[in-house]
Amino acid sequence: MKIMFKRFALTIVLGFVVSGQALATPINNPGFEAGQVGWNVAGDAANAFVVADFEGITAPFGSNMAVISTEAVGNAEPQNDAVQSTALFQNFSALVTPVEYWVNFLTTEATPSPFNDTFIVQALLVDNTVQTLLALDTNSAFSGSAGAYEQTGWLSMLLPVDTTAVSFFITDVNGTVGESVALIDSIPEPATFLLLGAGLTGMAAMRRRKKHVC
């Protein structure tokens, strides 16, 4: 009877694991907990990295977030460069459920024009249409002066069902003095909580059964 119960509890846990896998997003490493694994970087600057804290701003979910910058690696600020950009992107099988991302756009540029760095988030759908989820520029998003980072604060968006690729793209349009960056993070998958809950429930049930038998 004891062996049968253990098998039954294990079946319950495995059932939740299978269910969790079905719910899991096809995006590889969506919240950057494994660094940049699964993600591609392109652009003139091609400056993307993963941290837990950037200029005192911490990752809102999990322990890591991605950072993309208009400045090439090794450039000191302030820097008056040619036009530069960084894209962080990933292709994957079509989403069956929406995936939520949070972004924070920061700049040291002074506004208004000609300071007009841009940050754009786009999703590619299965029908090959491109959906722009967010489009910001330093003229419309900020009103401060060059120096310390000014930020929009965290903004949320959903990658819609049938998304097959996502791109986070930041550009220094005029090559002006100053740097703009974007912070990117994702809410942990519901499947993660299902697996954790199932595992804890199964373990607790086996402990209770063991005590009863003894």
N, C-alpha and C. Protein backbone atom coordinates (compact mmCIF):
# COMPACT_ATOMS: atom_id res chain seq x y z
N MET A 1 0.83 -1.21 0.00
CA MET A 1 0.00 0.00 0.00
C MET A 1 0.87 1.26 0.00
N LYS A 2 1.97 1.22 0.78
CA LYS A 2 2.88 2.35 0.87
C LYS A 2 3.51 2.63 -0.49
N ILE A 3 3.92 1.55 -1.18
CA ILE A 3 4.53 1.70 -2.50
C ILE A 3 3.52 2.25 -3.49
N MET A 4 2.27 1.75 -3.40
CA MET A 4 1.23 2.22 -4.31
C MET A 4 0.97 3.70 -4.12
N PHE A 5 0.98 4.18 -2.88
CA PHE A 5 0.73 5.59 -2.62
C PHE A 5 1.84 6.46 -3.19
N LYS A 6 3.10 6.01 -3.02
CA LYS A 6 4.22 6.76 -3.56
C LYS A 6 4.11 6.89 -5.07
N ARG A 7 3.70 5.79 -5.71
CA ARG A 7 3.54 5.82 -7.16
C ARG A 7 2.43 6.77 -7.57
N PHE A 8 1.34 6.78 -6.76
CA PHE A 8 0.22 7.66 -7.04
C PHE A 8 0.63 9.12 -6.90
N ALA A 9 1.38 9.44 -5.83
CA ALA A 9 1.84 10.82 -5.62
C ALA A 9 2.78 11.24 -6.73
N LEU A 10 3.67 10.33 -7.16
CA LEU A 10 4.59 10.64 -8.23
C LEU A 10 3.85 10.90 -9.53
N THR A 11 2.78 10.13 -9.76
CA THR A 11 1.95 10.33 -10.96
C THR A 11 1.33 11.71 -10.97
N ILE A 12 0.86 12.18 -9.81
CA ILE A 12 0.26 13.50 -9.70
C ILE A 12 1.29 14.57 -10.05
N VAL A 13 2.49 14.45 -9.47
CA VAL A 13 3.55 15.42 -9.73
C VAL A 13 3.92 15.43 -11.20
N LEU A 14 4.10 14.25 -11.79
CA LEU A 14 4.46 14.16 -13.20
C LEU A 14 3.36 14.72 -14.08
N GLY A 15 2.11 14.55 -13.65
CA GLY A 15 1.00 15.11 -14.40
C GLY A 15 1.08 16.62 -14.46
N PHE A 16 1.44 17.23 -13.34
CA PHE A 16 1.61 18.69 -13.32
C PHE A 16 2.80 19.11 -14.17
N VAL A 17 3.87 18.30 -14.19
CA VAL A 17 5.03 18.62 -15.00
C VAL A 17 4.66 18.64 -16.48
N VAL A 18 3.91 17.64 -16.92
CA VAL A 18 3.48 17.59 -18.32
C VAL A 18 2.59 18.78 -18.63
N SER A 19 1.66 19.09 -17.70
CA SER A 19 0.77 20.23 -17.89
C SER A 19 1.58 21.51 -17.96
N GLY A 20 2.59 21.64 -17.07
CA GLY A 20 3.42 22.84 -17.06
C GLY A 20 4.18 23.01 -18.35
N GLN A 21 4.67 21.90 -18.91
CA GLN A 21 5.39 21.99 -20.15
C GLN A 21 4.48 22.46 -21.27
N ALA A 22 3.23 22.05 -21.22
CA ALA A 22 2.28 22.45 -22.26
C ALA A 22 2.01 23.95 -22.17
N LEU A 23 2.05 24.50 -20.93
CA LEU A 23 1.78 25.91 -20.74
C LEU A 23 3.01 26.77 -20.98
N ALA A 24 4.19 26.17 -20.91
CA ALA A 24 5.43 26.94 -20.98
C ALA A 24 5.57 27.65 -22.33
N THR A 25 6.14 28.86 -22.27
CA THR A 25 6.37 29.61 -23.50
C THR A 25 7.50 28.98 -24.31
N PRO A 26 7.41 29.04 -25.64
CA PRO A 26 8.51 28.53 -26.47
C PRO A 26 9.72 29.47 -26.49
N ILE A 27 9.60 30.65 -25.87
CA ILE A 27 10.74 31.57 -25.83
C ILE A 27 11.82 30.98 -24.94
N ASN A 28 13.02 30.92 -25.46
CA ASN A 28 14.15 30.39 -24.71
C ASN A 28 14.67 31.45 -23.74
N ASN A 29 14.67 31.11 -22.44
CA ASN A 29 15.22 32.02 -21.44
C ASN A 29 14.52 33.39 -21.49
N PRO A 30 13.20 33.42 -21.36
CA PRO A 30 12.45 34.68 -21.54
C PRO A 30 12.80 35.77 -20.54
N GLY A 31 13.16 35.40 -19.31
CA GLY A 31 13.46 36.39 -18.28
C GLY A 31 14.94 36.62 -18.05
N PHE A 32 15.79 36.08 -18.93
CA PHE A 32 17.24 36.31 -18.88
C PHE A 32 17.90 35.75 -17.62
N GLU A 33 17.25 34.76 -16.98
CA GLU A 33 17.85 34.16 -15.80
C GLU A 33 19.12 33.38 -16.15
N ALA A 34 19.22 32.96 -17.40
CA ALA A 34 20.42 32.25 -17.86
C ALA A 34 21.31 33.16 -18.70
N GLY A 35 21.31 34.45 -18.40
CA GLY A 35 22.10 35.41 -19.16
C GLY A 35 21.49 35.67 -20.53
N GLN A 36 22.31 35.67 -21.57
CA GLN A 36 21.83 35.96 -22.91
C GLN A 36 21.55 34.69 -23.72
N VAL A 37 21.52 33.55 -23.05
CA VAL A 37 21.26 32.28 -23.74
C VAL A 37 19.95 32.36 -24.50
N GLY A 38 19.98 31.99 -25.78
CA GLY A 38 18.78 31.99 -26.61
C GLY A 38 18.53 33.29 -27.35
N TRP A 39 19.21 34.35 -26.98
CA TRP A 39 18.97 35.66 -27.57
C TRP A 39 20.10 36.04 -28.54
N ASN A 40 19.75 36.81 -29.56
CA ASN A 40 20.70 37.29 -30.56
C ASN A 40 20.87 38.80 -30.43
N VAL A 41 22.07 39.28 -30.75
CA VAL A 41 22.37 40.71 -30.68
C VAL A 41 22.91 41.17 -32.02
N ALA A 42 22.43 42.32 -32.50
CA ALA A 42 22.90 42.87 -33.78
C ALA A 42 22.93 44.40 -33.66
N GLY A 43 23.45 45.05 -34.72
CA GLY A 43 23.48 46.51 -34.76
C GLY A 43 24.89 47.06 -34.80
N ASP A 44 25.00 48.37 -35.01
CA ASP A 44 26.29 49.03 -35.07
C ASP A 44 26.98 49.04 -33.71
N ALA A 45 26.19 49.26 -32.66
CA ALA A 45 26.74 49.23 -31.30
C ALA A 45 26.79 47.80 -30.78
N ALA A 46 25.69 47.04 -31.03
CA ALA A 46 25.60 45.64 -30.60
C ALA A 46 26.01 45.48 -29.14
N ASN A 47 25.50 46.37 -28.31
CA ASN A 47 25.86 46.38 -26.89
C ASN A 47 24.66 45.91 -26.07
N ALA A 48 24.68 44.65 -25.68
CA ALA A 48 23.63 44.08 -24.83
C ALA A 48 24.28 43.24 -23.76
N PHE A 49 23.76 43.32 -22.54
CA PHE A 49 24.30 42.54 -21.44
C PHE A 49 23.20 42.29 -20.43
N VAL A 50 23.46 41.40 -19.49
CA VAL A 50 22.46 41.02 -18.49
C VAL A 50 22.99 41.33 -17.10
N VAL A 51 22.18 42.01 -16.29
CA VAL A 51 22.57 42.40 -14.94
C VAL A 51 21.37 42.29 -14.01
N ALA A 52 21.62 42.36 -12.73
CA ALA A 52 20.54 42.41 -11.74
C ALA A 52 20.22 43.85 -11.35
N ASP A 53 21.19 44.76 -11.57
CA ASP A 53 21.04 46.16 -11.17
C ASP A 53 21.72 47.05 -12.20
N PHE A 54 21.02 48.12 -12.62
CA PHE A 54 21.63 49.09 -13.52
C PHE A 54 21.34 50.49 -12.98
N GLU A 55 22.40 51.19 -12.61
CA GLU A 55 22.27 52.55 -12.07
C GLU A 55 21.26 52.62 -10.92
N GLY A 56 21.27 51.59 -10.08
CA GLY A 56 20.36 51.55 -8.93
C GLY A 56 18.97 51.03 -9.23
N ILE A 57 18.70 50.68 -10.47
CA ILE A 57 17.40 50.11 -10.86
C ILE A 57 17.55 48.60 -10.90
N THR A 58 16.73 47.89 -10.14
CA THR A 58 16.84 46.44 -10.06
C THR A 58 15.81 45.75 -10.95
N ALA A 59 16.12 44.51 -11.30
CA ALA A 59 15.20 43.72 -12.12
C ALA A 59 13.88 43.53 -11.38
N PRO A 60 12.74 43.81 -12.02
CA PRO A 60 11.46 43.72 -11.33
C PRO A 60 11.00 42.29 -11.08
N PHE A 61 11.48 41.34 -11.88
CA PHE A 61 11.08 39.94 -11.74
C PHE A 61 12.33 39.07 -11.81
N GLY A 62 12.37 38.05 -10.97
CA GLY A 62 13.54 37.19 -10.98
C GLY A 62 14.77 37.95 -10.51
N SER A 63 15.94 37.53 -10.99
CA SER A 63 17.19 38.14 -10.53
C SER A 63 17.92 38.90 -11.63
N ASN A 64 17.51 38.73 -12.89
CA ASN A 64 18.23 39.36 -14.00
C ASN A 64 17.31 40.15 -14.91
N MET A 65 17.92 41.07 -15.66
CA MET A 65 17.23 41.79 -16.73
C MET A 65 18.26 42.07 -17.82
N ALA A 66 17.79 42.27 -19.03
CA ALA A 66 18.67 42.61 -20.13
C ALA A 66 18.78 44.11 -20.25
N VAL A 67 19.94 44.57 -20.72
CA VAL A 67 20.19 45.98 -20.97
C VAL A 67 20.70 46.11 -22.40
N ILE A 68 20.10 47.01 -23.19
CA ILE A 68 20.62 47.32 -24.52
C ILE A 68 20.94 48.81 -24.57
N SER A 69 22.03 49.17 -25.29
CA SER A 69 22.53 50.53 -25.25
C SER A 69 22.81 51.07 -26.65
N THR A 70 22.75 52.40 -26.79
CA THR A 70 23.11 53.05 -28.05
C THR A 70 24.61 53.22 -28.18
N GLU A 71 25.35 52.96 -27.10
CA GLU A 71 26.80 53.13 -27.13
C GLU A 71 27.51 51.81 -27.32
N ALA A 72 28.50 51.78 -28.20
CA ALA A 72 29.28 50.57 -28.41
C ALA A 72 30.06 50.23 -27.15
N VAL A 73 30.36 48.97 -26.97
CA VAL A 73 31.11 48.52 -25.79
C VAL A 73 32.44 49.26 -25.70
N GLY A 74 32.75 49.79 -24.51
CA GLY A 74 34.02 50.47 -24.31
C GLY A 74 33.97 51.98 -24.48
N ASN A 75 32.86 52.51 -25.01
CA ASN A 75 32.75 53.96 -25.17
C ASN A 75 32.48 54.61 -23.83
N ALA A 76 33.22 55.67 -23.53
CA ALA A 76 32.99 56.42 -22.29
C ALA A 76 31.97 57.52 -22.56
N GLU A 77 31.21 57.86 -21.56
CA GLU A 77 30.22 58.94 -21.70
C GLU A 77 30.79 60.25 -21.13
N PRO A 78 30.47 61.44 -21.71
CA PRO A 78 29.64 61.56 -22.92
C PRO A 78 30.42 61.21 -24.18
N GLN A 79 29.72 60.75 -25.20
CA GLN A 79 30.36 60.31 -26.43
C GLN A 79 29.56 60.83 -27.62
N ASN A 80 30.24 61.49 -28.55
CA ASN A 80 29.59 62.01 -29.75
C ASN A 80 29.96 61.08 -30.91
N ASP A 81 29.06 60.15 -31.21
CA ASP A 81 29.35 59.09 -32.16
C ASP A 81 28.54 59.25 -33.44
N ALA A 82 28.88 58.39 -34.41
CA ALA A 82 28.00 58.23 -35.56
C ALA A 82 26.73 57.51 -35.10
N VAL A 83 25.75 57.44 -35.97
CA VAL A 83 24.50 56.76 -35.63
C VAL A 83 24.82 55.32 -35.23
N GLN A 84 24.28 54.91 -34.09
CA GLN A 84 24.52 53.56 -33.58
C GLN A 84 23.23 52.96 -33.06
N SER A 85 23.17 51.63 -33.08
CA SER A 85 21.97 50.94 -32.63
C SER A 85 22.32 49.57 -32.07
N THR A 86 21.39 49.05 -31.28
CA THR A 86 21.50 47.69 -30.75
C THR A 86 20.13 47.03 -30.84
N ALA A 87 20.10 45.82 -31.35
CA ALA A 87 18.87 45.03 -31.40
C ALA A 87 19.08 43.74 -30.62
N LEU A 88 18.11 43.42 -29.75
CA LEU A 88 18.10 42.15 -29.03
C LEU A 88 16.86 41.41 -29.50
N PHE A 89 17.04 40.21 -30.05
CA PHE A 89 15.89 39.54 -30.66
C PHE A 89 15.99 38.03 -30.53
N GLN A 90 14.83 37.38 -30.75
CA GLN A 90 14.77 35.92 -30.70
C GLN A 90 13.62 35.44 -31.58
N ASN A 91 13.86 34.34 -32.30
CA ASN A 91 12.83 33.65 -33.09
C ASN A 91 12.42 32.39 -32.35
N PHE A 92 11.15 32.01 -32.43
CA PHE A 92 10.66 30.84 -31.71
C PHE A 92 9.39 30.34 -32.37
N SER A 93 8.90 29.19 -31.94
CA SER A 93 7.63 28.69 -32.46
C SER A 93 6.50 29.57 -31.94
N ALA A 94 5.38 29.57 -32.65
CA ALA A 94 4.29 30.51 -32.35
C ALA A 94 3.77 30.38 -30.92
N LEU A 95 3.56 31.53 -30.27
CA LEU A 95 3.01 31.54 -28.92
C LEU A 95 1.56 31.08 -28.94
N VAL A 96 1.19 30.26 -27.97
CA VAL A 96 -0.21 29.85 -27.82
C VAL A 96 -0.89 30.62 -26.71
N THR A 97 -0.09 31.28 -25.88
CA THR A 97 -0.61 32.19 -24.85
C THR A 97 0.25 33.44 -24.86
N PRO A 98 -0.31 34.60 -24.51
CA PRO A 98 0.49 35.84 -24.49
C PRO A 98 1.61 35.76 -23.45
N VAL A 99 2.70 36.49 -23.70
CA VAL A 99 3.82 36.57 -22.76
C VAL A 99 4.04 38.04 -22.42
N GLU A 100 4.10 38.34 -21.13
CA GLU A 100 4.22 39.73 -20.69
C GLU A 100 5.68 40.13 -20.49
N TYR A 101 6.02 41.28 -21.07
CA TYR A 101 7.35 41.86 -20.89
C TYR A 101 7.22 43.25 -20.28
N TRP A 102 8.25 43.63 -19.52
CA TRP A 102 8.33 44.96 -18.92
C TRP A 102 9.61 45.62 -19.39
N VAL A 103 9.53 46.91 -19.75
CA VAL A 103 10.71 47.64 -20.23
C VAL A 103 10.79 49.00 -19.54
N ASN A 104 12.00 49.51 -19.46
CA ASN A 104 12.25 50.83 -18.87
C ASN A 104 13.25 51.55 -19.78
N PHE A 105 12.86 52.68 -20.33
CA PHE A 105 13.68 53.44 -21.28
C PHE A 105 14.38 54.56 -20.53
N LEU A 106 15.72 54.63 -20.64
CA LEU A 106 16.51 55.64 -19.94
C LEU A 106 17.39 56.41 -20.92
N THR A 107 17.71 57.66 -20.56
CA THR A 107 18.61 58.45 -21.41
C THR A 107 19.40 59.45 -20.58
N THR A 108 20.57 59.83 -21.10
CA THR A 108 21.33 60.95 -20.53
C THR A 108 21.32 62.12 -21.51
N GLU A 109 20.54 62.01 -22.59
CA GLU A 109 20.46 63.08 -23.57
C GLU A 109 19.60 64.23 -23.05
N ALA A 110 19.93 65.43 -23.53
CA ALA A 110 19.08 66.58 -23.24
C ALA A 110 17.99 66.66 -24.30
N THR A 111 16.85 67.18 -23.94
CA THR A 111 15.76 67.36 -24.90
C THR A 111 15.42 68.84 -24.94
N PRO A 112 14.80 69.39 -25.97
CA PRO A 112 14.22 68.66 -27.11
C PRO A 112 15.22 68.41 -28.23
N SER A 113 14.69 68.36 -29.49
CA SER A 113 15.45 68.04 -30.69
C SER A 113 16.74 68.87 -30.75
N PRO A 114 17.84 68.31 -31.28
CA PRO A 114 17.90 67.09 -32.12
C PRO A 114 18.15 65.80 -31.35
N PHE A 115 17.90 65.82 -30.06
CA PHE A 115 18.12 64.61 -29.27
C PHE A 115 16.90 63.70 -29.40
N ASN A 116 16.99 62.71 -30.27
CA ASN A 116 15.81 61.89 -30.54
C ASN A 116 16.17 60.42 -30.69
N ASP A 117 16.87 59.86 -29.70
CA ASP A 117 17.09 58.42 -29.67
C ASP A 117 15.74 57.71 -29.60
N THR A 118 15.68 56.53 -30.16
CA THR A 118 14.40 55.81 -30.20
C THR A 118 14.54 54.42 -29.59
N PHE A 119 13.42 53.93 -29.06
CA PHE A 119 13.33 52.56 -28.53
C PHE A 119 12.04 51.96 -29.05
N ILE A 120 12.16 50.83 -29.75
CA ILE A 120 11.00 50.20 -30.39
C ILE A 120 10.96 48.72 -30.03
N VAL A 121 9.77 48.22 -29.71
CA VAL A 121 9.55 46.79 -29.48
C VAL A 121 8.57 46.29 -30.53
N GLN A 122 8.96 45.24 -31.25
CA GLN A 122 8.11 44.72 -32.31
C GLN A 122 7.97 43.21 -32.21
N ALA A 123 6.81 42.71 -32.64
CA ALA A 123 6.54 41.27 -32.67
C ALA A 123 6.25 40.86 -34.10
N LEU A 124 6.83 39.75 -34.52
CA LEU A 124 6.53 39.18 -35.83
C LEU A 124 5.53 38.05 -35.64
N LEU A 125 4.42 38.10 -36.38
CA LEU A 125 3.36 37.11 -36.24
C LEU A 125 3.48 36.02 -37.30
N VAL A 126 2.69 34.95 -37.14
CA VAL A 126 2.79 33.81 -38.05
C VAL A 126 2.44 34.17 -39.49
N ASP A 127 1.63 35.22 -39.68
CA ASP A 127 1.26 35.63 -41.04
C ASP A 127 2.28 36.61 -41.63
N ASN A 128 3.43 36.75 -40.95
CA ASN A 128 4.53 37.63 -41.39
C ASN A 128 4.23 39.12 -41.27
N THR A 129 3.18 39.47 -40.55
CA THR A 129 2.94 40.88 -40.26
C THR A 129 3.75 41.28 -39.03
N VAL A 130 4.14 42.54 -38.98
CA VAL A 130 4.90 43.06 -37.85
C VAL A 130 4.01 43.96 -37.02
N GLN A 131 3.94 43.68 -35.73
CA GLN A 131 3.13 44.49 -34.82
C GLN A 131 4.06 45.27 -33.89
N THR A 132 3.95 46.60 -33.93
CA THR A 132 4.74 47.44 -33.04
C THR A 132 4.04 47.54 -31.69
N LEU A 133 4.69 47.07 -30.65
CA LEU A 133 4.11 47.05 -29.31
C LEU A 133 4.45 48.30 -28.52
N LEU A 134 5.58 48.94 -28.85
CA LEU A 134 5.99 50.15 -28.14
C LEU A 134 6.93 50.94 -29.05
N ALA A 135 6.75 52.26 -29.08
CA ALA A 135 7.64 53.13 -29.85
C ALA A 135 7.82 54.43 -29.07
N LEU A 136 9.03 54.65 -28.59
CA LEU A 136 9.34 55.84 -27.78
C LEU A 136 10.55 56.56 -28.37
N ASP A 137 10.62 57.86 -28.16
CA ASP A 137 11.83 58.61 -28.49
C ASP A 137 12.10 59.60 -27.38
N THR A 138 13.33 60.07 -27.30
CA THR A 138 13.71 60.91 -26.17
C THR A 138 13.02 62.27 -26.18
N ASN A 139 12.56 62.71 -27.35
CA ASN A 139 11.82 63.99 -27.40
C ASN A 139 10.46 63.88 -26.73
N SER A 140 9.76 62.76 -27.02
CA SER A 140 8.40 62.62 -26.49
C SER A 140 8.37 62.04 -25.08
N ALA A 141 9.40 61.27 -24.73
CA ALA A 141 9.36 60.57 -23.44
C ALA A 141 9.99 61.35 -22.29
N PHE A 142 10.86 62.32 -22.61
CA PHE A 142 11.60 63.00 -21.55
C PHE A 142 11.57 64.52 -21.74
N SER A 143 11.90 65.22 -20.66
CA SER A 143 11.94 66.68 -20.73
C SER A 143 13.08 67.25 -19.91
N GLY A 144 14.04 66.41 -19.55
CA GLY A 144 15.13 66.84 -18.68
C GLY A 144 16.33 67.35 -19.44
N SER A 145 17.46 67.37 -18.80
CA SER A 145 18.71 67.83 -19.41
C SER A 145 19.76 66.74 -19.28
N ALA A 146 20.83 66.86 -20.09
CA ALA A 146 21.87 65.84 -20.09
C ALA A 146 22.51 65.73 -18.72
N GLY A 147 22.95 64.52 -18.40
CA GLY A 147 23.58 64.29 -17.10
C GLY A 147 23.19 62.93 -16.58
N ALA A 148 22.53 62.88 -15.41
CA ALA A 148 22.10 61.61 -14.84
C ALA A 148 20.99 61.00 -15.70
N TYR A 149 20.86 59.69 -15.59
CA TYR A 149 19.82 59.01 -16.36
C TYR A 149 18.42 59.46 -15.95
N GLU A 150 17.62 59.79 -16.94
CA GLU A 150 16.19 60.04 -16.75
C GLU A 150 15.47 58.81 -17.29
N GLN A 151 14.37 58.38 -16.65
CA GLN A 151 13.73 57.14 -17.04
C GLN A 151 12.22 57.28 -17.17
N THR A 152 11.65 56.43 -18.00
CA THR A 152 10.19 56.40 -18.14
C THR A 152 9.54 55.65 -17.00
N GLY A 153 10.31 54.81 -16.30
CA GLY A 153 9.72 53.87 -15.36
C GLY A 153 9.31 52.61 -16.12
N TRP A 154 8.92 51.57 -15.40
CA TRP A 154 8.62 50.29 -16.04
C TRP A 154 7.28 50.34 -16.77
N LEU A 155 7.29 49.90 -18.02
CA LEU A 155 6.10 49.85 -18.86
C LEU A 155 5.87 48.40 -19.27
N SER A 156 4.61 47.95 -19.25
CA SER A 156 4.32 46.56 -19.56
C SER A 156 3.68 46.42 -20.94
N MET A 157 3.87 45.25 -21.53
CA MET A 157 3.27 44.94 -22.83
C MET A 157 3.12 43.43 -22.95
N LEU A 158 2.23 43.00 -23.83
CA LEU A 158 2.01 41.58 -24.06
C LEU A 158 2.44 41.20 -25.47
N LEU A 159 3.26 40.15 -25.58
CA LEU A 159 3.49 39.56 -26.88
C LEU A 159 2.24 38.75 -27.21
N PRO A 160 1.56 39.05 -28.32
CA PRO A 160 0.28 38.39 -28.59
C PRO A 160 0.43 36.94 -29.03
N VAL A 161 -0.68 36.21 -28.95
CA VAL A 161 -0.73 34.85 -29.47
C VAL A 161 -0.31 34.88 -30.94
N ASP A 162 0.39 33.84 -31.38
CA ASP A 162 0.88 33.69 -32.76
C ASP A 162 2.14 34.51 -33.03
N THR A 163 2.75 35.09 -31.99
CA THR A 163 4.05 35.75 -32.17
C THR A 163 5.11 34.69 -32.42
N THR A 164 5.96 34.91 -33.42
CA THR A 164 7.04 33.97 -33.72
C THR A 164 8.43 34.59 -33.53
N ALA A 165 8.49 35.88 -33.27
CA ALA A 165 9.77 36.55 -33.01
C ALA A 165 9.49 37.86 -32.30
N VAL A 166 10.45 38.29 -31.47
CA VAL A 166 10.34 39.58 -30.79
C VAL A 166 11.67 40.30 -30.91
N SER A 167 11.60 41.62 -31.10
CA SER A 167 12.81 42.44 -31.23
C SER A 167 12.70 43.67 -30.35
N PHE A 168 13.75 43.92 -29.57
CA PHE A 168 13.89 45.14 -28.78
C PHE A 168 15.01 45.94 -29.46
N PHE A 169 14.70 47.15 -29.95
CA PHE A 169 15.62 47.87 -30.82
C PHE A 169 15.79 49.30 -30.34
N ILE A 170 17.04 49.70 -30.06
CA ILE A 170 17.32 51.05 -29.58
C ILE A 170 18.33 51.70 -30.52
N THR A 171 18.11 53.00 -30.86
CA THR A 171 18.93 53.67 -31.86
C THR A 171 19.30 55.08 -31.42
N ASP A 172 20.57 55.41 -31.61
CA ASP A 172 21.06 56.78 -31.45
C ASP A 172 20.93 57.43 -32.82
N VAL A 173 19.82 58.15 -33.04
CA VAL A 173 19.46 58.60 -34.38
C VAL A 173 20.46 59.57 -34.98
N ASN A 174 20.89 60.57 -34.20
CA ASN A 174 21.77 61.60 -34.75
C ASN A 174 23.22 61.50 -34.29
N GLY A 175 23.55 60.45 -33.58
CA GLY A 175 24.91 60.33 -33.08
C GLY A 175 25.28 61.44 -32.13
N THR A 176 24.34 61.82 -31.28
CA THR A 176 24.55 62.96 -30.38
C THR A 176 25.21 62.55 -29.08
N VAL A 177 25.67 63.56 -28.34
CA VAL A 177 26.28 63.31 -27.04
C VAL A 177 25.23 62.76 -26.08
N GLY A 178 25.61 61.73 -25.34
CA GLY A 178 24.68 61.13 -24.41
C GLY A 178 24.40 59.69 -24.79
N GLU A 179 23.82 58.95 -23.88
CA GLU A 179 23.53 57.54 -24.09
C GLU A 179 22.07 57.26 -23.74
N SER A 180 21.46 56.37 -24.49
CA SER A 180 20.14 55.86 -24.15
C SER A 180 20.23 54.36 -23.99
N VAL A 181 19.50 53.83 -23.02
CA VAL A 181 19.49 52.39 -22.79
C VAL A 181 18.05 51.95 -22.53
N ALA A 182 17.82 50.66 -22.70
CA ALA A 182 16.52 50.07 -22.36
C ALA A 182 16.76 48.86 -21.49
N LEU A 183 15.98 48.75 -20.43
CA LEU A 183 16.02 47.59 -19.54
C LEU A 183 14.83 46.70 -19.88
N ILE A 184 15.03 45.39 -19.89
CA ILE A 184 14.01 44.46 -20.36
C ILE A 184 13.90 43.29 -19.40
N ASP A 185 12.68 42.93 -19.02
CA ASP A 185 12.47 41.77 -18.15
C ASP A 185 11.12 41.15 -18.46
N SER A 186 10.94 39.90 -18.06
CA SER A 186 9.68 39.20 -18.30
C SER A 186 9.15 38.61 -17.01
N ILE A 187 7.83 38.58 -16.88
CA ILE A 187 7.20 37.95 -15.72
C ILE A 187 7.43 36.45 -15.82
N PRO A 188 7.79 35.79 -14.69
CA PRO A 188 7.98 34.33 -14.72
C PRO A 188 6.75 33.62 -15.26
N GLU A 189 6.98 32.50 -15.94
CA GLU A 189 5.89 31.75 -16.55
C GLU A 189 4.97 31.16 -15.49
N PRO A 190 3.66 31.10 -15.76
CA PRO A 190 2.73 30.42 -14.83
C PRO A 190 3.13 28.97 -14.61
N ALA A 191 3.70 28.33 -15.62
CA ALA A 191 4.09 26.93 -15.50
C ALA A 191 5.09 26.73 -14.37
N THR A 192 5.95 27.72 -14.15
CA THR A 192 6.95 27.63 -13.09
C THR A 192 6.28 27.48 -11.73
N PHE A 193 5.23 28.27 -11.51
CA PHE A 193 4.53 28.20 -10.23
C PHE A 193 3.74 26.90 -10.11
N LEU A 194 3.19 26.41 -11.22
CA LEU A 194 2.47 25.15 -11.19
C LEU A 194 3.41 24.01 -10.80
N LEU A 195 4.58 23.98 -11.39
CA LEU A 195 5.54 22.93 -11.08
C LEU A 195 5.97 22.98 -9.63
N LEU A 196 6.25 24.18 -9.13
CA LEU A 196 6.67 24.34 -7.75
C LEU A 196 5.56 23.90 -6.81
N GLY A 197 4.34 24.33 -7.06
CA GLY A 197 3.22 23.96 -6.22
C GLY A 197 2.96 22.47 -6.23
N ALA A 198 3.04 21.87 -7.41
CA ALA A 198 2.81 20.43 -7.53
C ALA A 198 3.87 19.65 -6.77
N GLY A 199 5.12 20.08 -6.92
CA GLY A 199 6.20 19.38 -6.24
C GLY A 199 6.05 19.45 -4.73
N LEU A 200 5.73 20.63 -4.20
CA LEU A 200 5.56 20.79 -2.76
C LEU A 200 4.38 19.99 -2.24
N THR A 201 3.28 19.98 -3.00
CA THR A 201 2.10 19.23 -2.60
C THR A 201 2.40 17.74 -2.54
N GLY A 202 3.08 17.24 -3.56
CA GLY A 202 3.41 15.82 -3.60
C GLY A 202 4.34 15.42 -2.48
N MET A 203 5.33 16.25 -2.19
CA MET A 203 6.27 15.94 -1.12
C MET A 203 5.59 15.94 0.24
N ALA A 204 4.71 16.92 0.45
CA ALA A 204 4.00 17.00 1.74
C ALA A 204 3.10 15.79 1.93
N ALA A 205 2.43 15.37 0.85
CA ALA A 205 1.53 14.21 0.94
C ALA A 205 2.30 12.96 1.28
N MET A 206 3.48 12.78 0.67
CA MET A 206 4.29 11.59 0.95
C MET A 206 4.80 11.59 2.38
N ARG A 207 5.14 12.78 2.90
CA ARG A 207 5.60 12.86 4.29
C ARG A 207 4.47 12.45 5.26
N ARG A 208 3.25 12.99 4.99
CA ARG A 208 2.12 12.65 5.86
C ARG A 208 1.83 11.16 5.83
N ARG A 209 1.89 10.57 4.64
CA ARG A 209 1.63 9.14 4.50
C ARG A 209 2.67 8.32 5.23
N LYS A 210 3.94 8.76 5.15
CA LYS A 210 5.01 8.04 5.80
C LYS A 210 4.82 8.02 7.32
N LYS A 211 4.45 9.18 7.88
CA LYS A 211 4.22 9.28 9.32
C LYS A 211 3.07 8.39 9.74
N HIS A 212 2.03 8.34 8.93
CA HIS A 212 0.84 7.53 9.26
C HIS A 212 1.17 6.05 9.26
N VAL A 213 1.96 5.60 8.29
CA VAL A 213 2.33 4.20 8.19
C VAL A 213 3.21 3.79 9.34
N CYS A 214 4.14 4.69 9.71
CA CYS A 214 5.04 4.37 10.82
C CYS A 214 4.29 4.33 12.15
